[in-house]
Amino acid sequence: MLFDGDVLTIEPEMSLDEIREFEQFVRTRLDYIETIILEEGKPLQSSALISILVSLKRTRPDLKIPFIDNGKTASDAYGILHWMGHD
């Protein structure tokens, strides 16, 4: 994780323990974070990270999470993955 001002950059290759630590870290600082960015070029290891990011977005809709907002991502194993977001 890299916390630069109000932008938090995270690696998508987190283990479940790291995802738990990330959630605890973010929940206590959610008022100070404006954007959460996933590093590109690395594959997602767990859907738990996506679930937490979606939960954070629902908790604070003005939070910018380009990974969620774009509605797609690329994976070497699965190609391009698309999803639909609902309010």
C-alpha atoms as a PDB file:
ATOM      1  CA  MET A   1       0.000   0.000   0.000  1.00  0.00           C
ATOM      2  CA  LEU A   2       1.094   3.498  -0.790  1.00  0.00           C
ATOM      3  CA  PHE A   3      -0.768   6.373   0.855  1.00  0.00           C
ATOM      4  CA  ASP A   4       0.002   9.647  -0.913  1.00  0.00           C
ATOM      5  CA  GLY A   5      -2.118  12.566   0.280  1.00  0.00           C
ATOM      6  CA  ASP A   6      -5.717  11.526  -0.282  1.00  0.00           C
ATOM      7  CA  VAL A   7      -4.883   8.750  -2.807  1.00  0.00           C
ATOM      8  CA  LEU A   8      -4.328   5.173  -1.681  1.00  0.00           C
ATOM      9  CA  THR A   9      -2.636   2.809  -4.147  1.00  0.00           C
ATOM     10  CA  ILE A  10      -2.903  -0.907  -3.426  1.00  0.00           C
ATOM     11  CA  GLU A  11      -1.555  -4.091  -4.978  1.00  0.00           C
ATOM     12  CA  PRO A  12      -4.159  -6.548  -6.260  1.00  0.00           C
ATOM     13  CA  GLU A  13      -1.954  -9.495  -5.235  1.00  0.00           C
ATOM     14  CA  MET A  14      -2.967  -9.506  -1.560  1.00  0.00           C
ATOM     15  CA  SER A  15      -3.394 -12.599   0.573  1.00  0.00           C
ATOM     16  CA  LEU A  16      -6.523 -12.911   2.713  1.00  0.00           C
ATOM     17  CA  ASP A  17      -4.609 -11.750   5.786  1.00  0.00           C
ATOM     18  CA  GLU A  18      -3.379  -8.687   3.909  1.00  0.00           C
ATOM     19  CA  ILE A  19      -6.923  -7.977   2.703  1.00  0.00           C
ATOM     20  CA  ARG A  20      -8.167  -8.068   6.311  1.00  0.00           C
ATOM     21  CA  GLU A  21      -5.412  -5.651   7.350  1.00  0.00           C
ATOM     22  CA  PHE A  22      -6.253  -3.419   4.373  1.00  0.00           C
ATOM     23  CA  GLU A  23      -9.913  -3.298   5.378  1.00  0.00           C
ATOM     24  CA  GLN A  24      -9.091  -2.374   8.979  1.00  0.00           C
ATOM     25  CA  PHE A  25      -6.683   0.297   7.764  1.00  0.00           C
ATOM     26  CA  VAL A  26      -9.140   1.814   5.277  1.00  0.00           C
ATOM     27  CA  ARG A  27     -12.259   1.732   7.447  1.00  0.00           C
ATOM     28  CA  THR A  28     -10.615   3.902  10.102  1.00  0.00           C
ATOM     29  CA  ARG A  29      -9.327   6.390   7.504  1.00  0.00           C
ATOM     30  CA  LEU A  30     -12.204   6.411   5.021  1.00  0.00           C
ATOM     31  CA  ASP A  31     -12.992  10.079   5.656  1.00  0.00           C
ATOM     32  CA  TYR A  32      -9.471  11.065   4.567  1.00  0.00           C
ATOM     33  CA  ILE A  33      -9.241   8.955   1.391  1.00  0.00           C
ATOM     34  CA  GLU A  34     -10.561  10.382  -1.882  1.00  0.00           C
ATOM     35  CA  THR A  35      -9.302   7.742  -4.326  1.00  0.00           C
ATOM     36  CA  ILE A  36      -8.279   4.083  -4.138  1.00  0.00           C
ATOM     37  CA  ILE A  37      -6.237   2.858  -7.095  1.00  0.00           C
ATOM     38  CA  LEU A  38      -5.272  -0.739  -7.898  1.00  0.00           C
ATOM     39  CA  GLU A  39      -1.807  -1.131  -9.411  1.00  0.00           C
ATOM     40  CA  GLU A  40      -2.102  -2.204 -13.016  1.00  0.00           C
ATOM     41  CA  GLY A  41      -0.338  -5.133 -14.607  1.00  0.00           C
ATOM     42  CA  LYS A  42      -0.799  -7.480 -11.684  1.00  0.00           C
ATOM     43  CA  PRO A  43      -3.564 -10.105 -11.452  1.00  0.00           C
ATOM     44  CA  LEU A  44      -6.180 -10.186  -8.731  1.00  0.00           C
ATOM     45  CA  GLN A  45      -5.593 -12.988  -6.248  1.00  0.00           C
ATOM     46  CA  SER A  46      -8.945 -12.952  -4.466  1.00  0.00           C
ATOM     47  CA  SER A  47     -12.522 -11.838  -5.024  1.00  0.00           C
ATOM     48  CA  ALA A  48     -12.523 -10.728  -1.372  1.00  0.00           C
ATOM     49  CA  LEU A  49     -10.640  -7.587  -2.410  1.00  0.00           C
ATOM     50  CA  ILE A  50     -13.320  -6.753  -4.993  1.00  0.00           C
ATOM     51  CA  SER A  51     -16.011  -7.294  -2.351  1.00  0.00           C
ATOM     52  CA  ILE A  52     -14.317  -4.891   0.059  1.00  0.00           C
ATOM     53  CA  LEU A  53     -13.861  -2.255  -2.643  1.00  0.00           C
ATOM     54  CA  VAL A  54     -17.548  -2.513  -3.599  1.00  0.00           C
ATOM     55  CA  SER A  55     -18.508  -2.256   0.072  1.00  0.00           C
ATOM     56  CA  LEU A  56     -16.361   0.858   0.485  1.00  0.00           C
ATOM     57  CA  LYS A  57     -17.962   2.397  -2.607  1.00  0.00           C
ATOM     58  CA  ARG A  58     -21.444   1.718  -1.213  1.00  0.00           C
ATOM     59  CA  THR A  59     -20.474   3.136   2.169  1.00  0.00           C
ATOM     60  CA  ARG A  60     -19.127   6.282   0.572  1.00  0.00           C
ATOM     61  CA  PRO A  61     -20.446   6.735  -3.004  1.00  0.00           C
ATOM     62  CA  ASP A  62     -18.247   9.777  -3.706  1.00  0.00           C
ATOM     63  CA  LEU A  63     -15.110   7.648  -3.174  1.00  0.00           C
ATOM     64  CA  LYS A  64     -13.251   7.245  -6.473  1.00  0.00           C
ATOM     65  CA  ILE A  65     -12.244   3.668  -7.240  1.00  0.00           C
ATOM     66  CA  PRO A  66     -11.357   3.550 -10.960  1.00  0.00           C
ATOM     67  CA  PHE A  67     -11.234  -0.266 -10.920  1.00  0.00           C
ATOM     68  CA  ILE A  68     -14.913  -0.385  -9.884  1.00  0.00           C
ATOM     69  CA  ASP A  69     -15.996   2.717 -11.813  1.00  0.00           C
ATOM     70  CA  ASN A  70     -14.539   1.459 -15.139  1.00  0.00           C
ATOM     71  CA  GLY A  71     -16.631  -1.700 -15.067  1.00  0.00           C
ATOM     72  CA  LYS A  72     -13.911  -3.871 -16.586  1.00  0.00           C
ATOM     73  CA  THR A  73     -10.459  -5.272 -16.022  1.00  0.00           C
ATOM     74  CA  ALA A  74      -8.034  -7.433 -17.970  1.00  0.00           C
ATOM     75  CA  SER A  75      -6.620 -10.739 -16.808  1.00  0.00           C
ATOM     76  CA  ASP A  76      -4.007 -12.935 -18.491  1.00  0.00           C
ATOM     77  CA  ALA A  77      -5.941 -16.028 -17.492  1.00  0.00           C
ATOM     78  CA  TYR A  78      -9.488 -14.818 -18.216  1.00  0.00           C
ATOM     79  CA  GLY A  79      -9.134 -12.010 -20.754  1.00  0.00           C
ATOM     80  CA  ILE A  80     -11.254  -8.881 -20.265  1.00  0.00           C
ATOM     81  CA  LEU A  81     -13.817  -9.104 -17.485  1.00  0.00           C
ATOM     82  CA  HIS A  82     -16.836  -6.791 -17.535  1.00  0.00           C
ATOM     83  CA  TRP A  83     -19.406  -6.064 -14.823  1.00  0.00           C
ATOM     84  CA  MET A  84     -22.338  -3.768 -14.325  1.00  0.00           C
ATOM     85  CA  GLY A  85     -22.601  -1.404 -11.396  1.00  0.00           C
ATOM     86  CA  HIS A  86     -25.888  -0.614  -9.730  1.00  0.00           C
ATOM     87  CA  ASP A  87     -26.732   2.233  -7.368  1.00  0.00           C
END
